[in-house]
N, C-alpha and C. Protein backbone atom coordinates (compact mmCIF):
# COMPACT_ATOMS: atom_id res chain seq x y z
N MET A 1 0.84 -1.18 0.00
CA MET A 1 0.00 0.00 0.00
C MET A 1 0.89 1.25 0.00
N THR A 2 0.55 2.22 -0.81
CA THR A 2 1.34 3.43 -0.95
C THR A 2 1.10 4.37 0.23
N ILE A 3 2.19 4.89 0.77
CA ILE A 3 2.11 5.86 1.86
C ILE A 3 1.30 7.08 1.41
N VAL A 4 0.57 7.67 2.33
CA VAL A 4 -0.22 8.86 2.01
C VAL A 4 0.18 9.99 2.97
N GLN A 5 -0.14 11.19 2.53
CA GLN A 5 0.15 12.36 3.35
C GLN A 5 -0.48 12.20 4.72
N GLY A 6 0.28 12.52 5.77
CA GLY A 6 -0.20 12.40 7.14
C GLY A 6 0.24 11.12 7.83
N GLU A 7 0.78 10.17 7.07
CA GLU A 7 1.26 8.92 7.66
C GLU A 7 2.72 9.06 8.10
N SER A 8 3.10 8.22 9.04
CA SER A 8 4.47 8.16 9.52
C SER A 8 5.37 7.53 8.46
N VAL A 9 6.58 8.06 8.34
CA VAL A 9 7.54 7.57 7.35
C VAL A 9 8.56 6.68 8.07
N PRO A 10 8.76 5.45 7.60
CA PRO A 10 9.73 4.58 8.26
C PRO A 10 11.16 5.11 8.11
N THR A 11 11.94 4.97 9.15
CA THR A 11 13.34 5.40 9.10
C THR A 11 14.27 4.24 8.74
N LYS A 12 13.76 3.05 8.76
CA LYS A 12 14.53 1.86 8.40
C LYS A 12 13.76 1.08 7.35
N PRO A 13 14.38 0.34 6.50
CA PRO A 13 15.81 0.13 6.43
C PRO A 13 16.55 1.38 5.98
N ALA A 14 17.81 1.44 6.33
CA ALA A 14 18.63 2.60 5.99
C ALA A 14 19.03 2.57 4.51
N PHE A 15 19.36 3.75 4.01
CA PHE A 15 19.90 3.87 2.65
C PHE A 15 21.40 3.65 2.71
N LEU A 16 22.00 3.33 1.58
CA LEU A 16 23.45 3.21 1.48
C LEU A 16 24.00 4.46 0.81
N TYR A 17 25.05 5.01 1.37
CA TYR A 17 25.60 6.29 0.93
C TYR A 17 27.12 6.19 0.82
N LEU A 18 27.63 6.65 -0.31
CA LEU A 18 29.07 6.78 -0.49
C LEU A 18 29.37 8.26 -0.50
N PRO A 19 30.01 8.76 0.55
CA PRO A 19 30.33 10.19 0.60
C PRO A 19 31.20 10.59 -0.59
N PRO A 20 31.15 11.88 -0.96
CA PRO A 20 31.99 12.34 -2.07
C PRO A 20 33.47 12.14 -1.75
N PRO A 21 34.31 12.02 -2.78
CA PRO A 21 35.75 11.87 -2.54
C PRO A 21 36.30 13.06 -1.76
N ILE A 22 37.24 12.79 -0.87
CA ILE A 22 37.91 13.85 -0.11
C ILE A 22 39.36 13.87 -0.57
N ASP A 23 39.78 15.01 -1.08
CA ASP A 23 41.15 15.16 -1.62
C ASP A 23 41.46 14.06 -2.63
N GLY A 24 40.47 13.73 -3.46
CA GLY A 24 40.66 12.74 -4.51
C GLY A 24 40.55 11.30 -4.05
N ALA A 25 40.42 11.06 -2.76
CA ALA A 25 40.32 9.69 -2.23
C ALA A 25 38.86 9.30 -2.08
N CYS A 26 38.50 8.22 -2.75
CA CYS A 26 37.12 7.74 -2.70
C CYS A 26 36.95 6.72 -1.57
N SER A 27 35.77 6.75 -0.99
CA SER A 27 35.41 5.73 -0.01
C SER A 27 34.89 4.52 -0.78
N TYR A 28 35.34 3.34 -0.38
CA TYR A 28 34.87 2.14 -1.05
C TYR A 28 33.94 1.32 -0.17
N ALA A 29 33.58 1.88 0.96
CA ALA A 29 32.67 1.19 1.86
C ALA A 29 31.45 2.07 2.10
N PRO A 30 30.31 1.69 1.53
CA PRO A 30 29.10 2.48 1.76
C PRO A 30 28.74 2.54 3.24
N VAL A 31 28.22 3.66 3.66
CA VAL A 31 27.74 3.80 5.04
C VAL A 31 26.22 3.82 5.01
N GLU A 32 25.61 3.35 6.08
CA GLU A 32 24.16 3.39 6.18
C GLU A 32 23.73 4.76 6.69
N VAL A 33 22.76 5.36 6.03
CA VAL A 33 22.17 6.61 6.51
C VAL A 33 20.66 6.42 6.55
N ALA A 34 20.09 6.81 7.67
CA ALA A 34 18.65 6.72 7.84
C ALA A 34 18.08 8.13 7.85
N ILE A 35 16.80 8.22 7.74
CA ILE A 35 16.14 9.51 7.86
C ILE A 35 16.30 9.93 9.31
N ASP A 36 17.14 10.91 9.54
CA ASP A 36 17.54 11.32 10.88
C ASP A 36 16.49 12.22 11.52
N SER A 37 15.97 11.79 12.65
CA SER A 37 14.91 12.54 13.32
C SER A 37 15.38 13.89 13.84
N THR A 38 16.70 14.08 13.95
CA THR A 38 17.19 15.38 14.42
C THR A 38 17.36 16.37 13.28
N LYS A 39 17.30 15.90 12.06
CA LYS A 39 17.46 16.77 10.89
C LYS A 39 16.14 16.82 10.12
N LYS A 40 15.19 17.54 10.63
CA LYS A 40 13.88 17.59 9.99
C LYS A 40 13.49 19.02 9.75
N PRO A 41 12.71 19.32 8.79
CA PRO A 41 12.17 18.38 7.80
C PRO A 41 13.21 18.00 6.76
N VAL A 42 12.98 16.85 6.15
CA VAL A 42 13.85 16.39 5.07
C VAL A 42 13.02 16.18 3.81
N LEU A 43 13.72 16.19 2.70
CA LEU A 43 13.10 15.94 1.40
C LEU A 43 13.71 14.66 0.84
N ILE A 44 12.85 13.75 0.44
CA ILE A 44 13.28 12.50 -0.20
C ILE A 44 12.78 12.55 -1.64
N VAL A 45 13.72 12.49 -2.58
CA VAL A 45 13.36 12.50 -4.00
C VAL A 45 13.72 11.13 -4.56
N ILE A 46 12.72 10.44 -5.07
CA ILE A 46 12.89 9.07 -5.56
C ILE A 46 12.90 9.07 -7.08
N VAL A 47 13.86 8.36 -7.64
CA VAL A 47 13.96 8.26 -9.10
C VAL A 47 13.87 6.80 -9.53
N PRO A 48 13.37 6.55 -10.75
CA PRO A 48 13.36 5.19 -11.26
C PRO A 48 14.77 4.60 -11.43
N GLY A 49 15.74 5.43 -11.82
CA GLY A 49 17.09 4.89 -11.98
C GLY A 49 18.11 5.95 -12.32
N ALA A 50 19.32 5.74 -11.84
CA ALA A 50 20.43 6.63 -12.16
C ALA A 50 20.74 6.52 -13.65
N PHE A 51 21.20 7.60 -14.22
CA PHE A 51 21.62 7.68 -15.62
C PHE A 51 20.48 7.44 -16.61
N THR A 52 19.25 7.39 -16.16
CA THR A 52 18.13 7.24 -17.09
C THR A 52 17.77 8.63 -17.64
N PRO A 53 17.22 8.69 -18.86
CA PRO A 53 17.03 9.99 -19.51
C PRO A 53 16.21 11.02 -18.72
N THR A 54 15.01 10.68 -18.31
CA THR A 54 14.18 11.67 -17.62
C THR A 54 14.80 12.08 -16.29
N CYS A 55 15.34 11.13 -15.56
CA CYS A 55 15.95 11.43 -14.26
C CYS A 55 17.16 12.35 -14.42
N SER A 56 17.96 12.09 -15.43
CA SER A 56 19.20 12.84 -15.64
C SER A 56 19.02 14.16 -16.36
N GLU A 57 17.99 14.26 -17.16
CA GLU A 57 17.81 15.47 -17.98
C GLU A 57 16.74 16.42 -17.45
N ARG A 58 15.70 15.88 -16.81
CA ARG A 58 14.57 16.74 -16.45
C ARG A 58 14.19 16.72 -14.97
N HIS A 59 14.49 15.66 -14.27
CA HIS A 59 14.03 15.56 -12.89
C HIS A 59 15.05 16.14 -11.90
N ILE A 60 16.19 15.50 -11.77
CA ILE A 60 17.15 15.86 -10.72
C ILE A 60 17.92 17.16 -11.00
N PRO A 61 18.26 17.51 -12.23
CA PRO A 61 18.98 18.77 -12.44
C PRO A 61 18.28 20.00 -11.84
N GLY A 62 16.97 20.00 -11.78
CA GLY A 62 16.25 21.12 -11.18
C GLY A 62 16.58 21.31 -9.71
N TYR A 63 16.91 20.24 -9.03
CA TYR A 63 17.28 20.30 -7.61
C TYR A 63 18.73 20.76 -7.41
N LEU A 64 19.52 20.68 -8.47
CA LEU A 64 20.96 20.91 -8.37
C LEU A 64 21.37 22.29 -8.90
N THR A 65 20.62 23.29 -8.50
CA THR A 65 20.97 24.67 -8.82
C THR A 65 21.10 25.43 -7.50
N ALA A 66 21.88 26.50 -7.55
CA ALA A 66 22.06 27.31 -6.34
C ALA A 66 20.73 27.86 -5.85
N SER A 67 19.88 28.30 -6.77
CA SER A 67 18.59 28.87 -6.34
C SER A 67 17.67 27.81 -5.75
N ALA A 68 17.68 26.60 -6.29
CA ALA A 68 16.85 25.52 -5.74
C ALA A 68 17.31 25.16 -4.33
N ILE A 69 18.60 25.02 -4.15
CA ILE A 69 19.13 24.66 -2.83
C ILE A 69 18.83 25.76 -1.83
N GLU A 70 19.01 27.00 -2.23
CA GLU A 70 18.72 28.12 -1.33
C GLU A 70 17.23 28.16 -0.98
N SER A 71 16.37 27.91 -1.97
CA SER A 71 14.92 27.90 -1.72
C SER A 71 14.53 26.77 -0.77
N LEU A 72 15.12 25.61 -0.95
CA LEU A 72 14.83 24.48 -0.05
C LEU A 72 15.29 24.80 1.38
N LYS A 73 16.49 25.35 1.49
CA LYS A 73 16.99 25.71 2.82
C LYS A 73 16.12 26.76 3.48
N SER A 74 15.73 27.78 2.71
CA SER A 74 14.91 28.84 3.30
C SER A 74 13.49 28.37 3.63
N SER A 75 13.08 27.27 3.03
CA SER A 75 11.79 26.66 3.36
C SER A 75 11.89 25.73 4.56
N GLY A 76 13.10 25.59 5.09
CA GLY A 76 13.29 24.77 6.28
C GLY A 76 13.77 23.35 6.04
N ILE A 77 13.97 22.96 4.79
CA ILE A 77 14.45 21.60 4.52
C ILE A 77 15.87 21.47 5.03
N ALA A 78 16.10 20.50 5.92
CA ALA A 78 17.39 20.32 6.57
C ALA A 78 18.32 19.39 5.80
N GLU A 79 17.76 18.53 4.96
CA GLU A 79 18.56 17.54 4.25
C GLU A 79 17.76 17.03 3.06
N VAL A 80 18.47 16.69 1.98
CA VAL A 80 17.84 16.18 0.77
C VAL A 80 18.47 14.83 0.43
N PHE A 81 17.62 13.81 0.29
CA PHE A 81 18.06 12.48 -0.15
C PHE A 81 17.55 12.26 -1.56
N ILE A 82 18.44 11.94 -2.48
CA ILE A 82 18.03 11.54 -3.83
C ILE A 82 18.25 10.03 -3.88
N VAL A 83 17.14 9.29 -4.01
CA VAL A 83 17.14 7.84 -3.83
C VAL A 83 16.98 7.11 -5.16
N SER A 84 17.89 6.18 -5.39
CA SER A 84 17.84 5.31 -6.56
C SER A 84 17.95 3.87 -6.09
N VAL A 85 17.44 2.94 -6.88
CA VAL A 85 17.58 1.52 -6.54
C VAL A 85 18.91 0.96 -7.05
N ASP A 86 19.69 1.76 -7.72
CA ASP A 86 20.98 1.32 -8.23
C ASP A 86 21.97 1.14 -7.09
N SER A 87 23.11 0.51 -7.37
CA SER A 87 24.12 0.31 -6.34
C SER A 87 24.63 1.66 -5.85
N PRO A 88 25.18 1.72 -4.64
CA PRO A 88 25.69 2.99 -4.13
C PRO A 88 26.82 3.55 -5.00
N PHE A 89 27.56 2.69 -5.67
CA PHE A 89 28.65 3.15 -6.53
C PHE A 89 28.10 3.84 -7.77
N ILE A 90 27.08 3.24 -8.37
CA ILE A 90 26.44 3.85 -9.53
C ILE A 90 25.75 5.15 -9.13
N THR A 91 25.08 5.13 -7.99
CA THR A 91 24.37 6.32 -7.53
C THR A 91 25.34 7.48 -7.29
N ARG A 92 26.48 7.19 -6.65
CA ARG A 92 27.47 8.27 -6.44
C ARG A 92 28.02 8.76 -7.77
N ALA A 93 28.35 7.86 -8.68
CA ALA A 93 28.89 8.26 -9.99
C ALA A 93 27.88 9.13 -10.73
N TRP A 94 26.60 8.79 -10.61
CA TRP A 94 25.56 9.58 -11.26
C TRP A 94 25.51 10.98 -10.66
N GLY A 95 25.56 11.06 -9.34
CA GLY A 95 25.57 12.37 -8.68
C GLY A 95 26.77 13.20 -9.11
N GLU A 96 27.93 12.56 -9.21
CA GLU A 96 29.13 13.27 -9.66
C GLU A 96 28.98 13.77 -11.08
N SER A 97 28.38 12.95 -11.95
CA SER A 97 28.22 13.37 -13.34
C SER A 97 27.23 14.53 -13.45
N LEU A 98 26.19 14.52 -12.63
CA LEU A 98 25.20 15.59 -12.67
C LEU A 98 25.73 16.91 -12.11
N THR A 99 26.74 16.84 -11.26
CA THR A 99 27.24 18.05 -10.61
C THR A 99 28.64 18.45 -11.07
N SER A 100 29.18 17.78 -12.06
CA SER A 100 30.56 18.07 -12.49
C SER A 100 30.73 19.51 -12.94
N ASP A 101 29.74 20.10 -13.56
CA ASP A 101 29.82 21.49 -14.02
C ASP A 101 28.96 22.42 -13.17
N ALA A 102 28.57 21.97 -12.00
CA ALA A 102 27.65 22.74 -11.15
C ALA A 102 28.34 23.94 -10.52
N ASP A 103 27.51 24.86 -10.08
CA ASP A 103 27.95 26.03 -9.34
C ASP A 103 28.67 25.58 -8.07
N VAL A 104 29.59 26.41 -7.59
CA VAL A 104 30.36 26.09 -6.39
C VAL A 104 29.44 25.81 -5.20
N SER A 105 28.36 26.56 -5.05
CA SER A 105 27.47 26.36 -3.90
C SER A 105 26.76 25.00 -3.97
N VAL A 106 26.51 24.52 -5.18
CA VAL A 106 25.89 23.20 -5.33
C VAL A 106 26.88 22.12 -4.94
N LYS A 107 28.11 22.25 -5.43
CA LYS A 107 29.15 21.27 -5.08
C LYS A 107 29.38 21.26 -3.57
N GLU A 108 29.32 22.43 -2.96
CA GLU A 108 29.48 22.52 -1.51
C GLU A 108 28.33 21.81 -0.78
N ALA A 109 27.11 21.95 -1.29
CA ALA A 109 25.96 21.28 -0.69
C ALA A 109 26.12 19.76 -0.75
N ILE A 110 26.72 19.26 -1.82
CA ILE A 110 26.99 17.83 -1.96
C ILE A 110 28.10 17.42 -1.00
N GLU A 111 29.20 18.18 -1.00
CA GLU A 111 30.35 17.84 -0.16
C GLU A 111 30.01 17.86 1.33
N LYS A 112 29.15 18.79 1.74
CA LYS A 112 28.78 18.89 3.16
C LYS A 112 27.64 17.95 3.53
N GLY A 113 27.10 17.24 2.54
CA GLY A 113 26.05 16.26 2.82
C GLY A 113 24.64 16.82 2.92
N TYR A 114 24.46 18.09 2.51
CA TYR A 114 23.09 18.62 2.50
C TYR A 114 22.26 17.85 1.47
N VAL A 115 22.85 17.60 0.31
CA VAL A 115 22.23 16.77 -0.73
C VAL A 115 23.02 15.48 -0.77
N LYS A 116 22.32 14.36 -0.60
CA LYS A 116 22.97 13.05 -0.63
C LYS A 116 22.33 12.19 -1.72
N PHE A 117 23.17 11.64 -2.59
CA PHE A 117 22.70 10.64 -3.55
C PHE A 117 22.84 9.29 -2.84
N VAL A 118 21.71 8.64 -2.56
CA VAL A 118 21.73 7.40 -1.76
C VAL A 118 21.08 6.26 -2.53
N SER A 119 21.42 5.05 -2.09
CA SER A 119 20.94 3.84 -2.74
C SER A 119 20.00 3.06 -1.83
N ASP A 120 18.91 2.62 -2.43
CA ASP A 120 18.03 1.63 -1.80
C ASP A 120 18.09 0.41 -2.71
N ALA A 121 19.30 -0.17 -2.78
CA ALA A 121 19.63 -1.18 -3.79
C ALA A 121 18.69 -2.37 -3.81
N GLY A 122 18.15 -2.77 -2.70
CA GLY A 122 17.20 -3.88 -2.68
C GLY A 122 15.76 -3.42 -2.74
N ALA A 123 15.57 -2.10 -2.85
CA ALA A 123 14.24 -1.47 -2.86
C ALA A 123 13.44 -1.80 -1.60
N GLU A 124 14.15 -2.08 -0.51
CA GLU A 124 13.47 -2.44 0.74
C GLU A 124 12.67 -1.27 1.31
N TRP A 125 13.30 -0.10 1.38
CA TRP A 125 12.59 1.08 1.92
C TRP A 125 11.44 1.45 0.99
N LEU A 126 11.71 1.44 -0.31
CA LEU A 126 10.66 1.79 -1.27
C LEU A 126 9.47 0.84 -1.17
N GLN A 127 9.73 -0.44 -0.99
CA GLN A 127 8.64 -1.39 -0.83
C GLN A 127 7.87 -1.13 0.46
N SER A 128 8.59 -0.71 1.52
CA SER A 128 7.92 -0.48 2.80
C SER A 128 6.95 0.70 2.75
N VAL A 129 7.18 1.62 1.81
CA VAL A 129 6.28 2.78 1.66
C VAL A 129 5.43 2.69 0.39
N GLY A 130 5.53 1.58 -0.32
CA GLY A 130 4.70 1.37 -1.51
C GLY A 130 5.04 2.27 -2.68
N LEU A 131 6.30 2.67 -2.79
CA LEU A 131 6.71 3.57 -3.88
C LEU A 131 7.61 2.88 -4.89
N VAL A 132 7.22 1.67 -5.27
CA VAL A 132 7.94 0.92 -6.29
C VAL A 132 7.17 1.06 -7.59
N GLY A 133 7.88 1.42 -8.64
CA GLY A 133 7.26 1.54 -9.96
C GLY A 133 7.92 0.57 -10.91
N GLU A 134 7.27 0.36 -12.03
CA GLU A 134 7.79 -0.51 -13.09
C GLU A 134 8.24 -1.88 -12.57
N PRO A 135 7.36 -2.62 -11.92
CA PRO A 135 7.76 -3.96 -11.49
C PRO A 135 8.15 -4.83 -12.68
N GLU A 136 9.02 -5.74 -12.44
CA GLU A 136 9.51 -6.67 -13.46
C GLU A 136 10.37 -6.00 -14.53
N ASP A 137 11.02 -4.87 -14.20
CA ASP A 137 11.93 -4.20 -15.12
C ASP A 137 13.17 -5.07 -15.26
N LYS A 138 13.44 -5.57 -16.46
CA LYS A 138 14.54 -6.51 -16.65
C LYS A 138 15.92 -5.87 -16.44
N PHE A 139 15.98 -4.53 -16.43
CA PHE A 139 17.26 -3.86 -16.23
C PHE A 139 17.52 -3.48 -14.77
N ALA A 140 16.55 -3.65 -13.91
CA ALA A 140 16.68 -3.23 -12.50
C ALA A 140 16.96 -4.44 -11.61
N LYS A 141 17.72 -4.20 -10.54
CA LYS A 141 18.01 -5.26 -9.58
C LYS A 141 16.69 -5.74 -8.99
N ASN A 142 16.51 -7.04 -8.96
CA ASN A 142 15.28 -7.66 -8.46
C ASN A 142 14.04 -7.22 -9.25
N GLY A 143 14.24 -6.60 -10.42
CA GLY A 143 13.13 -6.18 -11.25
C GLY A 143 12.35 -4.99 -10.73
N LEU A 144 12.93 -4.25 -9.76
CA LEU A 144 12.21 -3.14 -9.12
C LEU A 144 12.86 -1.80 -9.40
N ARG A 145 12.04 -0.80 -9.62
CA ARG A 145 12.48 0.58 -9.79
C ARG A 145 11.69 1.44 -8.80
N GLY A 146 12.24 2.59 -8.48
CA GLY A 146 11.50 3.54 -7.66
C GLY A 146 10.44 4.24 -8.49
N LEU A 147 9.37 4.64 -7.85
CA LEU A 147 8.32 5.43 -8.49
C LEU A 147 8.71 6.90 -8.33
N ARG A 148 8.75 7.66 -9.43
CA ARG A 148 9.21 9.05 -9.39
C ARG A 148 8.34 9.84 -8.41
N THR A 149 8.95 10.21 -7.28
CA THR A 149 8.21 10.79 -6.16
C THR A 149 9.07 11.76 -5.38
N ALA A 150 8.44 12.74 -4.76
CA ALA A 150 9.09 13.60 -3.77
C ALA A 150 8.26 13.52 -2.49
N VAL A 151 8.96 13.34 -1.36
CA VAL A 151 8.28 13.24 -0.07
C VAL A 151 8.95 14.22 0.89
N VAL A 152 8.14 15.07 1.52
CA VAL A 152 8.64 15.94 2.58
C VAL A 152 8.23 15.31 3.90
N VAL A 153 9.24 15.13 4.78
CA VAL A 153 9.02 14.50 6.08
C VAL A 153 9.28 15.54 7.16
N ASP A 154 8.30 15.74 8.05
CA ASP A 154 8.44 16.78 9.08
C ASP A 154 9.19 16.26 10.31
N LYS A 155 9.32 17.14 11.31
CA LYS A 155 10.09 16.81 12.52
C LYS A 155 9.46 15.68 13.33
N ASP A 156 8.19 15.39 13.09
CA ASP A 156 7.51 14.29 13.78
C ASP A 156 7.53 13.01 12.96
N ASN A 157 8.32 13.01 11.87
CA ASN A 157 8.45 11.87 10.99
C ASN A 157 7.17 11.56 10.20
N VAL A 158 6.42 12.59 9.91
CA VAL A 158 5.16 12.45 9.17
C VAL A 158 5.34 13.02 7.76
N ALA A 159 4.80 12.34 6.78
CA ALA A 159 4.85 12.82 5.40
C ALA A 159 3.87 13.99 5.26
N THR A 160 4.41 15.17 5.01
CA THR A 160 3.55 16.36 4.85
C THR A 160 3.28 16.68 3.39
N TYR A 161 4.06 16.09 2.51
CA TYR A 161 3.84 16.24 1.07
C TYR A 161 4.31 14.97 0.39
N ILE A 162 3.50 14.46 -0.52
CA ILE A 162 3.88 13.33 -1.36
C ILE A 162 3.46 13.68 -2.78
N GLY A 163 4.46 13.91 -3.61
CA GLY A 163 4.19 14.24 -5.02
C GLY A 163 4.64 13.09 -5.90
N ILE A 164 3.69 12.37 -6.47
CA ILE A 164 3.98 11.19 -7.29
C ILE A 164 3.71 11.51 -8.75
N ASP A 165 4.67 11.21 -9.60
CA ASP A 165 4.50 11.29 -11.05
C ASP A 165 4.57 9.87 -11.58
N ASP A 166 3.41 9.28 -11.85
CA ASP A 166 3.39 7.86 -12.23
C ASP A 166 3.34 7.61 -13.73
N LYS A 167 3.37 8.68 -14.54
CA LYS A 167 3.42 8.50 -15.98
C LYS A 167 4.87 8.62 -16.43
N ARG A 168 5.29 7.71 -17.26
CA ARG A 168 6.68 7.69 -17.74
C ARG A 168 7.04 9.03 -18.38
N GLY A 169 8.17 9.59 -17.95
CA GLY A 169 8.69 10.82 -18.54
C GLY A 169 8.11 12.11 -17.98
N VAL A 170 7.12 12.01 -17.09
CA VAL A 170 6.47 13.20 -16.54
C VAL A 170 7.17 13.61 -15.24
N VAL A 171 7.50 14.91 -15.14
CA VAL A 171 8.08 15.47 -13.92
C VAL A 171 7.26 16.71 -13.57
N GLU A 172 6.37 16.57 -12.64
CA GLU A 172 5.54 17.70 -12.21
C GLU A 172 5.53 17.76 -10.68
N LYS A 173 4.79 16.86 -10.06
CA LYS A 173 4.64 16.87 -8.60
C LYS A 173 5.94 16.51 -7.88
N SER A 174 6.78 15.71 -8.51
CA SER A 174 8.03 15.28 -7.87
C SER A 174 9.20 16.19 -8.20
N GLY A 175 9.01 17.13 -9.10
CA GLY A 175 10.08 18.04 -9.49
C GLY A 175 10.23 19.19 -8.51
N ILE A 176 11.30 19.94 -8.67
CA ILE A 176 11.59 21.04 -7.76
C ILE A 176 10.45 22.06 -7.72
N ASP A 177 9.84 22.37 -8.84
CA ASP A 177 8.75 23.36 -8.85
C ASP A 177 7.55 22.88 -8.04
N GLY A 178 7.20 21.61 -8.19
CA GLY A 178 6.07 21.05 -7.43
C GLY A 178 6.35 21.04 -5.94
N VAL A 179 7.58 20.70 -5.57
CA VAL A 179 7.96 20.66 -4.16
C VAL A 179 7.96 22.06 -3.56
N LEU A 180 8.58 23.01 -4.27
CA LEU A 180 8.63 24.39 -3.74
C LEU A 180 7.24 24.99 -3.62
N GLU A 181 6.37 24.69 -4.57
CA GLU A 181 4.98 25.18 -4.49
C GLU A 181 4.30 24.61 -3.25
N ALA A 182 4.49 23.33 -2.99
CA ALA A 182 3.89 22.70 -1.81
C ALA A 182 4.47 23.29 -0.54
N LEU A 183 5.77 23.53 -0.50
CA LEU A 183 6.40 24.11 0.69
C LEU A 183 5.90 25.53 0.93
N ARG A 184 5.74 26.32 -0.14
CA ARG A 184 5.24 27.68 0.00
C ARG A 184 3.81 27.70 0.55
N SER A 185 3.01 26.76 0.11
CA SER A 185 1.60 26.73 0.54
C SER A 185 1.48 26.34 2.01
N LYS A 186 2.51 25.70 2.56
CA LYS A 186 2.47 25.28 3.97
C LYS A 186 3.08 26.32 4.91
N LEU A 187 3.76 27.33 4.35
CA LEU A 187 4.40 28.34 5.19
C LEU A 187 3.43 29.38 5.67
């Protein structure tokens, strides 16, 4: 069953995260990161897959601008998770490719962990909230992909916004504009 606005958001299972390289040295051991109750509200942006056309060209780039990050911060968002079902290594490489030419403030947001590209490689968390799309996808691990969604989680661990785009190639409710509109309406 798909999570709905007003329901509690599970903090486990944790996502897998590979921090950005420090002084050119990459971490080869993913760390577990959960939705931290001390860092609320948070934004969780779910994508069907790293390096896929809509995700790479129209969905996530909108979140990776200086103005988007500043708007999210000024709306009170404490942390942003970009979630893919791909391995943590692929997810990090995708984040690096999307931000290679980014503004300094965007790169800083990635380096400081404000924006984290994380993996739900077994789609365990996605299944727990009913946000799995495209079942039986032959290119996805276990045949599962994330459903293109944005979720705002408040300090009480409750979903205050759930924007689902369930049509292939559509980015509206889960995109930066849909999220910022929802955040503005709640202020």
